[in-house]
Structures are given as structure tokens and as C-alpha cells.
Amino acid sequence: MIGVDIGGTNLLVGRIEDGKVVERTHEPISATGNFKKVVAQTCDAIRNIAKETISSVGISVAGSVDAKSGIVLRAQNLDWDNSPLAQTISSELSCRVVIENDVNSAAWGEFNYGAGRGKDSLFAVWIGTGIGGGLILNNQIWRGPLGTGGEFGMGISEQNPNAEVRVLEALASRSGFQQLLGNPSLDTTAIQESYGNDTSVTKCIDEGAKRIGTAIANVITLLSLDRVVLGGGLVEALGDPFIALIRAQFESDVFPPHCKQCTFTRTELGPDAGLLGVASLAN
């Protein structure tokens, strides 16, 4: 099986055997904004890693996708709109191609191979450049009738006349912190080094963690789930103190009967979650 993750800036391709990534390549996307060039780069990377005839490929994308039609509806970091990704790559490689949202893919990977094993439902939250959610209900990815369910980071977190700074992603992700602090060079490493040492950075992150905790509480109150899986670059970089803040705010805000019944856990699969998840969808 071949799994692919097309992120906002990087391309990750993995060859998967028996539920494990046995070989992977990682490279920067060479032409963000140019659909044809990114497709060509992706196809080259797939051919290079495949050891036999390619029968199917699963591709996760950081953006809103229509999994049924294989169209990327909107991928902001790639500047893609209504891009026929599955059909284009399928024609190029002469194989079946399935596409899925990146956090839906990660949620499915954790559900089958990682922190969600043994459960029939879970909620995955990935916190990094942006914020995404993936919802597994009764052993299936929940996309909803409109096909784009799980856009957790697009929920309103603050009443603000400026629409761009009121959604959760704008207030609690790495890109959000860059905007709020007026520091576009604040990458994940800088955030990790500044947290606990720089007052303004620490305050911004702590407030973001609390917002995430409240947002998760709303989801769990609504759906009565008992497993939340946290992943993404900021979760890996900031670790247990960041998760503890999210959990504390969650416990303060969630419907009380759900408070102690819902388990928070970090991803077991890390960056492989999406590759494993989307490859299994294509198998």
C-alpha cells in the first residue's frame, strides 16, 4: 500500500506493509500554488518508493476535500480550489486513488492501528500550523451529508467583527500565534524554546490551549464520546504541560457526567497516522 500526505509545505510518501510504514520519503513541496507541478512531484515520489505495480494510492490533504468525487474543494496553504486530485493522479499512475482530509486520515489511522484501537468512536484533534478535527462514529469516518464534517478549527472561538480572527484556528494554532504576536518567523522550534521563558508567547499559548479545551468540551458534550486523541506539531513540541492545560479547561467546561469518562491521549503513530489511515482507505 502507498500512503501520501500533501501538507501545506511538505510532501510525505510512505510504503506500508502489514500496518506499518516500512519506507518513507519527505521533501518540501516545490511549487505551492501550482497544481500540475505538485501532482507531477507527487507522482514521481510515489513511483520512486513503490517496489511493485501500484494498485492503489491513498492521499491525505490539508484542506477540505470531497472524498466521494476525489476533488480538493479548498486547500488554503496550497492555494487550491476545486482541484480534481484523485482523477488526475489516477490517470497519471493508472491506479485507484482515494483522497481524504489530513486529520480524518490521521483519525482513521489511530482508530485502526494506534490510540483508538478497541474503540468504536473517537475524536482526533491535530494542532500545528492550523487546527483540524477528525471524527470516527460507530466505526466510520463521519463526514456528514455535505462531506466536510470535522472542520474543528473553523468553529467560532471569539465574537469579533473581523471574521479572520474569531475562529479557533486563528487563535490557537502556530499560524494564529504568529499573527497574534506579530512574529511571522515564529516556527515550532521557536515556540518550544519560548514557552515558559517568554511571557507574551507563554500567555498566548496558554490562552490558545484553554480555547481548544473549551471547543473539545463542546464536541464531547454534544456527542458523548469517551476518547480524544491529540496530535500535530504543537502537541509534540509542547508536550504534557500543553495537554494538561487543554484537559483542565475541558474538565471545567464539559457536561459533568462526561468529565471523568472521556480519556485524553497523545497520538501513538505520530506523523505516520495519516499515511496509515489514508492507505487503508484506499486498500
C-alpha atoms as a PDB file:
ATOM      1  CA  MET A   1       0.000   0.000   0.000  1.00  0.00           C
ATOM      2  CA  ILE A   2       1.107   3.562  -0.681  1.00  0.00           C
ATOM      3  CA  GLY A   3       0.085   6.468   1.535  1.00  0.00           C
ATOM      4  CA  VAL A   4       0.715  10.122   0.716  1.00  0.00           C
ATOM      5  CA  ASP A   5       0.366  13.247   2.829  1.00  0.00           C
ATOM      6  CA  ILE A   6       0.274  16.528   0.910  1.00  0.00           C
ATOM      7  CA  GLY A   7       0.701  19.205   3.535  1.00  0.00           C
ATOM      8  CA  GLY A   8       0.904  22.935   3.150  1.00  0.00           C
ATOM      9  CA  THR A   9       4.669  22.901   2.641  1.00  0.00           C
ATOM     10  CA  ASN A  10       5.863  19.279   2.671  1.00  0.00           C
ATOM     11  CA  LEU A  11       5.185  16.050   0.811  1.00  0.00           C
ATOM     12  CA  LEU A  12       5.356  12.762   2.738  1.00  0.00           C
ATOM     13  CA  VAL A  13       5.100   9.405   0.961  1.00  0.00           C
ATOM     14  CA  GLY A  14       5.157   6.020   2.666  1.00  0.00           C
ATOM     15  CA  ARG A  15       5.204   2.384   1.608  1.00  0.00           C
ATOM     16  CA  ILE A  16       3.123   0.330   4.001  1.00  0.00           C
ATOM     17  CA  GLU A  17       3.243  -3.365   4.778  1.00  0.00           C
ATOM     18  CA  ASP A  18       1.248  -5.197   7.470  1.00  0.00           C
ATOM     19  CA  GLY A  19       0.004  -1.990   9.050  1.00  0.00           C
ATOM     20  CA  LYS A  20       3.447  -0.392   9.346  1.00  0.00           C
ATOM     21  CA  VAL A  21       5.303   2.246   7.349  1.00  0.00           C
ATOM     22  CA  VAL A  22       8.393   0.383   6.149  1.00  0.00           C
ATOM     23  CA  GLU A  23       9.807   3.159   3.968  1.00  0.00           C
ATOM     24  CA  ARG A  24       9.112   6.863   3.707  1.00  0.00           C
ATOM     25  CA  THR A  25      10.298   9.929   1.853  1.00  0.00           C
ATOM     26  CA  HIS A  26       9.920  13.531   2.955  1.00  0.00           C
ATOM     27  CA  GLU A  27      10.524  16.560   0.772  1.00  0.00           C
ATOM     28  CA  PRO A  28       9.414  20.186   0.502  1.00  0.00           C
ATOM     29  CA  ILE A  29       6.672  20.918  -1.988  1.00  0.00           C
ATOM     30  CA  SER A  30       8.464  22.587  -4.854  1.00  0.00           C
ATOM     31  CA  ALA A  31       5.678  24.680  -6.346  1.00  0.00           C
ATOM     32  CA  THR A  32       2.981  25.566  -3.843  1.00  0.00           C
ATOM     33  CA  GLY A  33       0.063  27.052  -5.746  1.00  0.00           C
ATOM     34  CA  ASN A  34       0.833  25.187  -8.962  1.00  0.00           C
ATOM     35  CA  PHE A  35      -1.486  22.169  -9.049  1.00  0.00           C
ATOM     36  CA  LYS A  36       0.105  20.474 -12.067  1.00  0.00           C
ATOM     37  CA  LYS A  37       3.631  20.734 -10.674  1.00  0.00           C
ATOM     38  CA  VAL A  38       2.616  19.387  -7.257  1.00  0.00           C
ATOM     39  CA  VAL A  39       0.843  16.481  -8.963  1.00  0.00           C
ATOM     40  CA  ALA A  40       3.964  15.734 -11.021  1.00  0.00           C
ATOM     41  CA  GLN A  41       6.160  15.865  -7.908  1.00  0.00           C
ATOM     42  CA  THR A  42       3.757  13.583  -6.049  1.00  0.00           C
ATOM     43  CA  CYS A  43       3.645  11.034  -8.861  1.00  0.00           C
ATOM     44  CA  ASP A  44       7.448  10.973  -9.090  1.00  0.00           C
ATOM     45  CA  ALA A  45       7.724  10.389  -5.337  1.00  0.00           C
ATOM     46  CA  ILE A  46       5.180   7.556  -5.492  1.00  0.00           C
ATOM     47  CA  ARG A  47       6.973   5.849  -8.381  1.00  0.00           C
ATOM     48  CA  ASN A  48      10.308   6.124  -6.580  1.00  0.00           C
ATOM     49  CA  ILE A  49       9.068   4.416  -3.425  1.00  0.00           C
ATOM     50  CA  ALA A  50       6.848   1.728  -4.986  1.00  0.00           C
ATOM     51  CA  LYS A  51       8.525  -1.687  -5.196  1.00  0.00           C
ATOM     52  CA  GLU A  52       5.928  -3.275  -7.446  1.00  0.00           C
ATOM     53  CA  THR A  53       2.989  -2.384  -9.654  1.00  0.00           C
ATOM     54  CA  ILE A  54       0.886   0.262  -7.944  1.00  0.00           C
ATOM     55  CA  SER A  55      -2.699  -0.895  -7.447  1.00  0.00           C
ATOM     56  CA  SER A  56      -3.979   1.855  -5.168  1.00  0.00           C
ATOM     57  CA  VAL A  57      -2.837   5.069  -3.515  1.00  0.00           C
ATOM     58  CA  GLY A  58      -4.342   6.943  -0.593  1.00  0.00           C
ATOM     59  CA  ILE A  59      -3.668  10.680  -0.378  1.00  0.00           C
ATOM     60  CA  SER A  60      -4.382  12.917   2.588  1.00  0.00           C
ATOM     61  CA  VAL A  61      -4.597  16.654   2.013  1.00  0.00           C
ATOM     62  CA  ALA A  62      -4.516  19.559   4.445  1.00  0.00           C
ATOM     63  CA  GLY A  63      -7.809  21.100   3.408  1.00  0.00           C
ATOM     64  CA  SER A  64     -11.455  20.467   2.661  1.00  0.00           C
ATOM     65  CA  VAL A  65     -11.999  17.542   0.326  1.00  0.00           C
ATOM     66  CA  ASP A  66     -14.909  15.722  -1.241  1.00  0.00           C
ATOM     67  CA  ALA A  67     -13.821  12.138  -0.736  1.00  0.00           C
ATOM     68  CA  LYS A  68     -16.556  10.758  -2.998  1.00  0.00           C
ATOM     69  CA  SER A  69     -15.653  12.833  -6.046  1.00  0.00           C
ATOM     70  CA  GLY A  70     -11.928  12.980  -5.303  1.00  0.00           C
ATOM     71  CA  ILE A  71     -11.887  16.770  -5.516  1.00  0.00           C
ATOM     72  CA  VAL A  72      -9.963  19.078  -3.194  1.00  0.00           C
ATOM     73  CA  LEU A  73     -12.541  21.762  -2.500  1.00  0.00           C
ATOM     74  CA  ARG A  74     -10.161  24.141  -0.770  1.00  0.00           C
ATOM     75  CA  ALA A  75      -6.552  23.799   0.388  1.00  0.00           C
ATOM     76  CA  GLN A  76      -5.575  27.229   1.613  1.00  0.00           C
ATOM     77  CA  ASN A  77      -1.850  26.655   2.076  1.00  0.00           C
ATOM     78  CA  LEU A  78      -1.592  25.157  -1.413  1.00  0.00           C
ATOM     79  CA  ASP A  79      -3.905  27.762  -2.957  1.00  0.00           C
ATOM     80  CA  TRP A  80      -6.062  25.029  -4.491  1.00  0.00           C
ATOM     81  CA  ASP A  81      -9.779  25.343  -5.198  1.00  0.00           C
ATOM     82  CA  ASN A  82     -11.939  22.588  -6.716  1.00  0.00           C
ATOM     83  CA  SER A  83      -8.873  20.657  -7.849  1.00  0.00           C
ATOM     84  CA  PRO A  84      -9.519  17.144  -9.295  1.00  0.00           C
ATOM     85  CA  LEU A  85      -6.654  15.489  -7.441  1.00  0.00           C
ATOM     86  CA  ALA A  86      -7.796  11.853  -7.398  1.00  0.00           C
ATOM     87  CA  GLN A  87      -8.722  11.709 -11.081  1.00  0.00           C
ATOM     88  CA  THR A  88      -5.540  13.479 -12.184  1.00  0.00           C
ATOM     89  CA  ILE A  89      -3.176  11.208 -10.257  1.00  0.00           C
ATOM     90  CA  SER A  90      -5.199   8.107 -11.128  1.00  0.00           C
ATOM     91  CA  SER A  91      -4.818   8.924 -14.827  1.00  0.00           C
ATOM     92  CA  GLU A  92      -1.094   9.517 -14.419  1.00  0.00           C
ATOM     93  CA  LEU A  93      -0.374   6.324 -12.447  1.00  0.00           C
ATOM     94  CA  SER A  94      -3.129   4.079 -13.886  1.00  0.00           C
ATOM     95  CA  CYS A  95      -4.329   3.020 -10.452  1.00  0.00           C
ATOM     96  CA  ARG A  96      -7.131   3.621  -7.976  1.00  0.00           C
ATOM     97  CA  VAL A  97      -6.681   6.816  -5.942  1.00  0.00           C
ATOM     98  CA  VAL A  98      -8.572   7.793  -2.804  1.00  0.00           C
ATOM     99  CA  ILE A  99      -8.242  11.207  -1.172  1.00  0.00           C
ATOM    100  CA  GLU A 100      -9.210  12.315   2.312  1.00  0.00           C
ATOM    101  CA  ASN A 101      -8.766  15.260   4.655  1.00  0.00           C
ATOM    102  CA  ASP A 102      -5.489  15.016   6.577  1.00  0.00           C
ATOM    103  CA  VAL A 103      -6.948  14.831  10.092  1.00  0.00           C
ATOM    104  CA  ASN A 104      -9.696  12.428   9.028  1.00  0.00           C
ATOM    105  CA  SER A 105      -6.865  10.257   7.715  1.00  0.00           C
ATOM    106  CA  ALA A 106      -4.924  10.554  10.973  1.00  0.00           C
ATOM    107  CA  ALA A 107      -8.049   9.773  12.996  1.00  0.00           C
ATOM    108  CA  TRP A 108      -8.655   6.656  10.895  1.00  0.00           C
ATOM    109  CA  GLY A 109      -5.032   5.607  11.334  1.00  0.00           C
ATOM    110  CA  GLU A 110      -5.201   5.969  15.120  1.00  0.00           C
ATOM    111  CA  PHE A 111      -8.572   4.218  15.187  1.00  0.00           C
ATOM    112  CA  ASN A 112      -7.233   1.162  13.365  1.00  0.00           C
ATOM    113  CA  TYR A 113      -3.583   0.996  14.402  1.00  0.00           C
ATOM    114  CA  GLY A 114      -2.959   3.369  17.304  1.00  0.00           C
ATOM    115  CA  ALA A 115      -4.572   5.115  20.250  1.00  0.00           C
ATOM    116  CA  GLY A 116      -8.120   4.279  19.164  1.00  0.00           C
ATOM    117  CA  ARG A 117      -7.791   0.508  18.920  1.00  0.00           C
ATOM    118  CA  GLY A 118     -10.664  -1.241  20.656  1.00  0.00           C
ATOM    119  CA  LYS A 119     -12.989   1.766  20.452  1.00  0.00           C
ATOM    120  CA  ASP A 120     -15.905   2.223  18.085  1.00  0.00           C
ATOM    121  CA  SER A 121     -15.690   6.028  18.144  1.00  0.00           C
ATOM    122  CA  LEU A 122     -13.138   8.761  18.816  1.00  0.00           C
ATOM    123  CA  PHE A 123     -12.393  12.425  18.224  1.00  0.00           C
ATOM    124  CA  ALA A 124      -8.943  13.379  16.918  1.00  0.00           C
ATOM    125  CA  VAL A 125      -7.590  16.919  17.200  1.00  0.00           C
ATOM    126  CA  TRP A 126      -4.398  17.876  15.358  1.00  0.00           C
ATOM    127  CA  ILE A 127      -2.760  21.159  16.403  1.00  0.00           C
ATOM    128  CA  GLY A 128       0.062  22.548  14.302  1.00  0.00           C
ATOM    129  CA  THR A 129       0.209  25.137  11.531  1.00  0.00           C
ATOM    130  CA  GLY A 130      -3.582  25.005  11.718  1.00  0.00           C
ATOM    131  CA  ILE A 131      -6.123  23.044  13.738  1.00  0.00           C
ATOM    132  CA  GLY A 132      -8.113  20.131  12.376  1.00  0.00           C
ATOM    133  CA  GLY A 133     -10.524  17.549  13.703  1.00  0.00           C
ATOM    134  CA  GLY A 134     -11.351  14.013  12.680  1.00  0.00           C
ATOM    135  CA  LEU A 135     -14.433  12.225  13.931  1.00  0.00           C
ATOM    136  CA  ILE A 136     -14.945   8.458  13.958  1.00  0.00           C
ATOM    137  CA  LEU A 137     -18.506   7.434  14.846  1.00  0.00           C
ATOM    138  CA  ASN A 138     -19.613   3.810  15.011  1.00  0.00           C
ATOM    139  CA  ASN A 139     -16.539   2.559  13.149  1.00  0.00           C
ATOM    140  CA  GLN A 140     -16.806   5.050  10.277  1.00  0.00           C
ATOM    141  CA  ILE A 141     -15.343   8.440   9.399  1.00  0.00           C
ATOM    142  CA  TRP A 142     -18.119  10.960   9.916  1.00  0.00           C
ATOM    143  CA  ARG A 143     -18.094  13.425   7.031  1.00  0.00           C
ATOM    144  CA  GLY A 144     -21.744  14.434   7.230  1.00  0.00           C
ATOM    145  CA  PRO A 145     -24.221  14.884   4.360  1.00  0.00           C
ATOM    146  CA  LEU A 146     -22.182  17.796   2.981  1.00  0.00           C
ATOM    147  CA  GLY A 147     -18.978  15.759   3.054  1.00  0.00           C
ATOM    148  CA  THR A 148     -16.738  18.111   5.041  1.00  0.00           C
ATOM    149  CA  GLY A 149     -17.523  17.216   8.663  1.00  0.00           C
ATOM    150  CA  GLY A 150     -14.797  17.602  11.276  1.00  0.00           C
ATOM    151  CA  GLU A 151     -13.625  21.145  10.459  1.00  0.00           C
ATOM    152  CA  PHE A 152     -12.958  21.698  14.154  1.00  0.00           C
ATOM    153  CA  GLY A 153     -10.589  24.642  13.676  1.00  0.00           C
ATOM    154  CA  MET A 154     -13.209  26.660  11.811  1.00  0.00           C
ATOM    155  CA  GLY A 155     -15.552  26.890  14.807  1.00  0.00           C
ATOM    156  CA  ILE A 156     -16.091  30.328  16.328  1.00  0.00           C
ATOM    157  CA  SER A 157     -13.988  30.880  19.437  1.00  0.00           C
ATOM    158  CA  GLU A 158     -14.451  34.613  19.949  1.00  0.00           C
ATOM    159  CA  GLN A 159     -17.078  37.120  18.879  1.00  0.00           C
ATOM    160  CA  ASN A 160     -15.135  39.525  16.726  1.00  0.00           C
ATOM    161  CA  PRO A 161     -16.268  41.639  13.751  1.00  0.00           C
ATOM    162  CA  ASN A 162     -13.107  40.535  11.959  1.00  0.00           C
ATOM    163  CA  ALA A 163     -14.017  37.055  10.708  1.00  0.00           C
ATOM    164  CA  GLU A 164     -10.368  36.127  10.212  1.00  0.00           C
ATOM    165  CA  VAL A 165      -9.521  36.366  13.918  1.00  0.00           C
ATOM    166  CA  ARG A 166     -12.527  34.755  15.550  1.00  0.00           C
ATOM    167  CA  VAL A 167     -12.219  31.100  14.542  1.00  0.00           C
ATOM    168  CA  LEU A 168     -10.302  28.675  16.760  1.00  0.00           C
ATOM    169  CA  GLU A 169      -7.526  28.101  14.226  1.00  0.00           C
ATOM    170  CA  ALA A 170      -6.750  31.832  14.124  1.00  0.00           C
ATOM    171  CA  LEU A 171      -6.432  31.962  17.908  1.00  0.00           C
ATOM    172  CA  ALA A 172      -4.787  28.694  18.914  1.00  0.00           C
ATOM    173  CA  SER A 173      -2.560  27.326  16.119  1.00  0.00           C
ATOM    174  CA  ARG A 174       1.023  28.111  15.130  1.00  0.00           C
ATOM    175  CA  SER A 175      -0.103  30.366  12.285  1.00  0.00           C
ATOM    176  CA  GLY A 176      -2.545  32.000  14.684  1.00  0.00           C
ATOM    177  CA  PHE A 177       0.166  32.627  17.265  1.00  0.00           C
ATOM    178  CA  GLN A 178       2.349  34.178  14.561  1.00  0.00           C
ATOM    179  CA  GLN A 179      -0.422  36.631  13.706  1.00  0.00           C
ATOM    180  CA  LEU A 180      -1.396  37.386  17.298  1.00  0.00           C
ATOM    181  CA  LEU A 181       2.210  38.022  18.332  1.00  0.00           C
ATOM    182  CA  GLY A 182       3.148  39.845  15.129  1.00  0.00           C
ATOM    183  CA  ASN A 183       6.013  37.440  14.513  1.00  0.00           C
ATOM    184  CA  PRO A 184       5.743  35.560  11.189  1.00  0.00           C
ATOM    185  CA  SER A 185       9.084  33.810  11.804  1.00  0.00           C
ATOM    186  CA  LEU A 186       7.830  32.088  14.970  1.00  0.00           C
ATOM    187  CA  ASP A 187       8.183  28.456  13.942  1.00  0.00           C
ATOM    188  CA  THR A 188       7.531  25.359  16.042  1.00  0.00           C
ATOM    189  CA  THR A 189      11.099  25.236  17.372  1.00  0.00           C
ATOM    190  CA  ALA A 190      10.947  28.887  18.442  1.00  0.00           C
ATOM    191  CA  ILE A 191       7.598  28.292  20.143  1.00  0.00           C
ATOM    192  CA  GLN A 192       9.036  25.319  22.012  1.00  0.00           C
ATOM    193  CA  GLU A 193      12.055  27.328  23.165  1.00  0.00           C
ATOM    194  CA  SER A 194       9.987  30.381  24.139  1.00  0.00           C
ATOM    195  CA  TYR A 195       7.234  28.585  26.022  1.00  0.00           C
ATOM    196  CA  GLY A 196       7.758  29.156  29.733  1.00  0.00           C
ATOM    197  CA  ASN A 197      10.568  31.647  29.080  1.00  0.00           C
ATOM    198  CA  ASP A 198       8.907  34.424  27.089  1.00  0.00           C
ATOM    199  CA  THR A 199       5.919  35.932  28.901  1.00  0.00           C
ATOM    200  CA  SER A 200       3.981  37.061  25.835  1.00  0.00           C
ATOM    201  CA  VAL A 201       4.465  33.775  23.969  1.00  0.00           C
ATOM    202  CA  THR A 202       3.551  31.729  27.034  1.00  0.00           C
ATOM    203  CA  LYS A 203       0.395  33.761  27.669  1.00  0.00           C
ATOM    204  CA  CYS A 204      -0.689  33.444  24.038  1.00  0.00           C
ATOM    205  CA  ILE A 205      -0.184  29.668  24.016  1.00  0.00           C
ATOM    206  CA  ASP A 206      -1.896  29.178  27.376  1.00  0.00           C
ATOM    207  CA  GLU A 207      -4.926  31.130  26.192  1.00  0.00           C
ATOM    208  CA  GLY A 208      -4.964  29.091  22.991  1.00  0.00           C
ATOM    209  CA  ALA A 209      -4.844  25.833  24.947  1.00  0.00           C
ATOM    210  CA  LYS A 210      -7.834  26.928  27.016  1.00  0.00           C
ATOM    211  CA  ARG A 211      -9.776  27.782  23.867  1.00  0.00           C
ATOM    212  CA  ILE A 212      -9.039  24.326  22.486  1.00  0.00           C
ATOM    213  CA  GLY A 213     -10.174  22.740  25.759  1.00  0.00           C
ATOM    214  CA  THR A 214     -13.482  24.594  25.627  1.00  0.00           C
ATOM    215  CA  ALA A 215     -14.031  23.648  21.984  1.00  0.00           C
ATOM    216  CA  ILE A 216     -13.343  19.963  22.697  1.00  0.00           C
ATOM    217  CA  ALA A 217     -15.741  20.134  25.661  1.00  0.00           C
ATOM    218  CA  ASN A 218     -18.494  21.313  23.326  1.00  0.00           C
ATOM    219  CA  VAL A 219     -17.885  18.392  20.966  1.00  0.00           C
ATOM    220  CA  ILE A 220     -17.859  15.811  23.764  1.00  0.00           C
ATOM    221  CA  THR A 221     -20.933  17.321  25.416  1.00  0.00           C
ATOM    222  CA  LEU A 222     -22.776  17.041  22.114  1.00  0.00           C
ATOM    223  CA  LEU A 223     -21.623  13.571  21.050  1.00  0.00           C
ATOM    224  CA  SER A 224     -20.838  11.823  24.366  1.00  0.00           C
ATOM    225  CA  LEU A 225     -17.527  10.334  23.186  1.00  0.00           C
ATOM    226  CA  ASP A 226     -15.020   8.709  25.543  1.00  0.00           C
ATOM    227  CA  ARG A 227     -11.725   9.069  23.636  1.00  0.00           C
ATOM    228  CA  VAL A 228      -9.870  12.173  22.423  1.00  0.00           C
ATOM    229  CA  VAL A 229      -6.569  11.743  20.561  1.00  0.00           C
ATOM    230  CA  LEU A 230      -4.272  14.767  20.326  1.00  0.00           C
ATOM    231  CA  GLY A 231      -1.525  15.156  17.749  1.00  0.00           C
ATOM    232  CA  GLY A 232       0.259  17.607  15.485  1.00  0.00           C
ATOM    233  CA  GLY A 233       3.424  19.653  15.626  1.00  0.00           C
ATOM    234  CA  LEU A 234       2.497  21.808  18.611  1.00  0.00           C
ATOM    235  CA  VAL A 235       1.355  18.844  20.690  1.00  0.00           C
ATOM    236  CA  GLU A 236       4.668  17.113  20.005  1.00  0.00           C
ATOM    237  CA  ALA A 237       6.686  20.265  20.712  1.00  0.00           C
ATOM    238  CA  LEU A 238       4.893  21.471  23.863  1.00  0.00           C
ATOM    239  CA  GLY A 239       4.029  18.084  25.291  1.00  0.00           C
ATOM    240  CA  ASP A 240       2.355  17.320  28.594  1.00  0.00           C
ATOM    241  CA  PRO A 241       2.058  20.883  30.007  1.00  0.00           C
ATOM    242  CA  PHE A 242       0.139  21.970  26.894  1.00  0.00           C
ATOM    243  CA  ILE A 243      -2.098  18.902  27.028  1.00  0.00           C
ATOM    244  CA  ALA A 244      -2.696  19.419  30.760  1.00  0.00           C
ATOM    245  CA  LEU A 245      -3.989  22.945  30.117  1.00  0.00           C
ATOM    246  CA  ILE A 246      -6.318  21.685  27.400  1.00  0.00           C
ATOM    247  CA  ARG A 247      -7.567  18.915  29.671  1.00  0.00           C
ATOM    248  CA  ALA A 248      -8.090  21.236  32.656  1.00  0.00           C
ATOM    249  CA  GLN A 249     -10.207  23.637  30.618  1.00  0.00           C
ATOM    250  CA  PHE A 250     -12.093  20.707  29.134  1.00  0.00           C
ATOM    251  CA  GLU A 251     -12.963  19.424  32.612  1.00  0.00           C
ATOM    252  CA  SER A 252     -14.141  22.888  33.618  1.00  0.00           C
ATOM    253  CA  ASP A 253     -16.455  23.254  30.618  1.00  0.00           C
ATOM    254  CA  VAL A 254     -17.724  19.795  29.649  1.00  0.00           C
ATOM    255  CA  PHE A 255     -21.129  18.426  30.675  1.00  0.00           C
ATOM    256  CA  PRO A 256     -20.255  16.995  34.138  1.00  0.00           C
ATOM    257  CA  PRO A 257     -21.291  13.359  33.532  1.00  0.00           C
ATOM    258  CA  HIS A 258     -18.732  13.197  30.706  1.00  0.00           C
ATOM    259  CA  CYS A 259     -15.860  14.721  32.671  1.00  0.00           C
ATOM    260  CA  LYS A 260     -14.131  11.611  34.018  1.00  0.00           C
ATOM    261  CA  GLN A 261     -15.404   9.217  31.353  1.00  0.00           C
ATOM    262  CA  CYS A 262     -13.515  10.819  28.463  1.00  0.00           C
ATOM    263  CA  THR A 263      -9.860   9.828  28.083  1.00  0.00           C
ATOM    264  CA  PHE A 264      -7.279  12.166  26.518  1.00  0.00           C
ATOM    265  CA  THR A 265      -4.267  10.550  24.883  1.00  0.00           C
ATOM    266  CA  ARG A 266      -1.459  11.608  22.576  1.00  0.00           C
ATOM    267  CA  THR A 267      -1.118  10.063  19.161  1.00  0.00           C
ATOM    268  CA  GLU A 268       0.641   6.709  19.178  1.00  0.00           C
ATOM    269  CA  LEU A 269       1.552   6.904  15.498  1.00  0.00           C
ATOM    270  CA  GLY A 270       2.766  10.498  15.162  1.00  0.00           C
ATOM    271  CA  PRO A 271       3.230  11.608  11.541  1.00  0.00           C
ATOM    272  CA  ASP A 272       2.569   8.053  10.324  1.00  0.00           C
ATOM    273  CA  ALA A 273      -1.077   8.208  11.446  1.00  0.00           C
ATOM    274  CA  GLY A 274      -2.247   9.944   8.287  1.00  0.00           C
ATOM    275  CA  LEU A 275      -0.234   7.693   5.964  1.00  0.00           C
ATOM    276  CA  LEU A 276      -1.570   4.524   7.582  1.00  0.00           C
ATOM    277  CA  GLY A 277      -5.114   5.828   7.707  1.00  0.00           C
ATOM    278  CA  VAL A 278      -5.425   7.016   4.139  1.00  0.00           C
ATOM    279  CA  ALA A 279      -3.591   3.994   2.729  1.00  0.00           C
ATOM    280  CA  SER A 280      -6.057   1.672   4.465  1.00  0.00           C
ATOM    281  CA  LEU A 281      -8.951   3.663   2.983  1.00  0.00           C
ATOM    282  CA  ALA A 282      -7.521   3.051  -0.477  1.00  0.00           C
ATOM    283  CA  ASN A 283      -6.808  -0.637   0.048  1.00  0.00           C
END
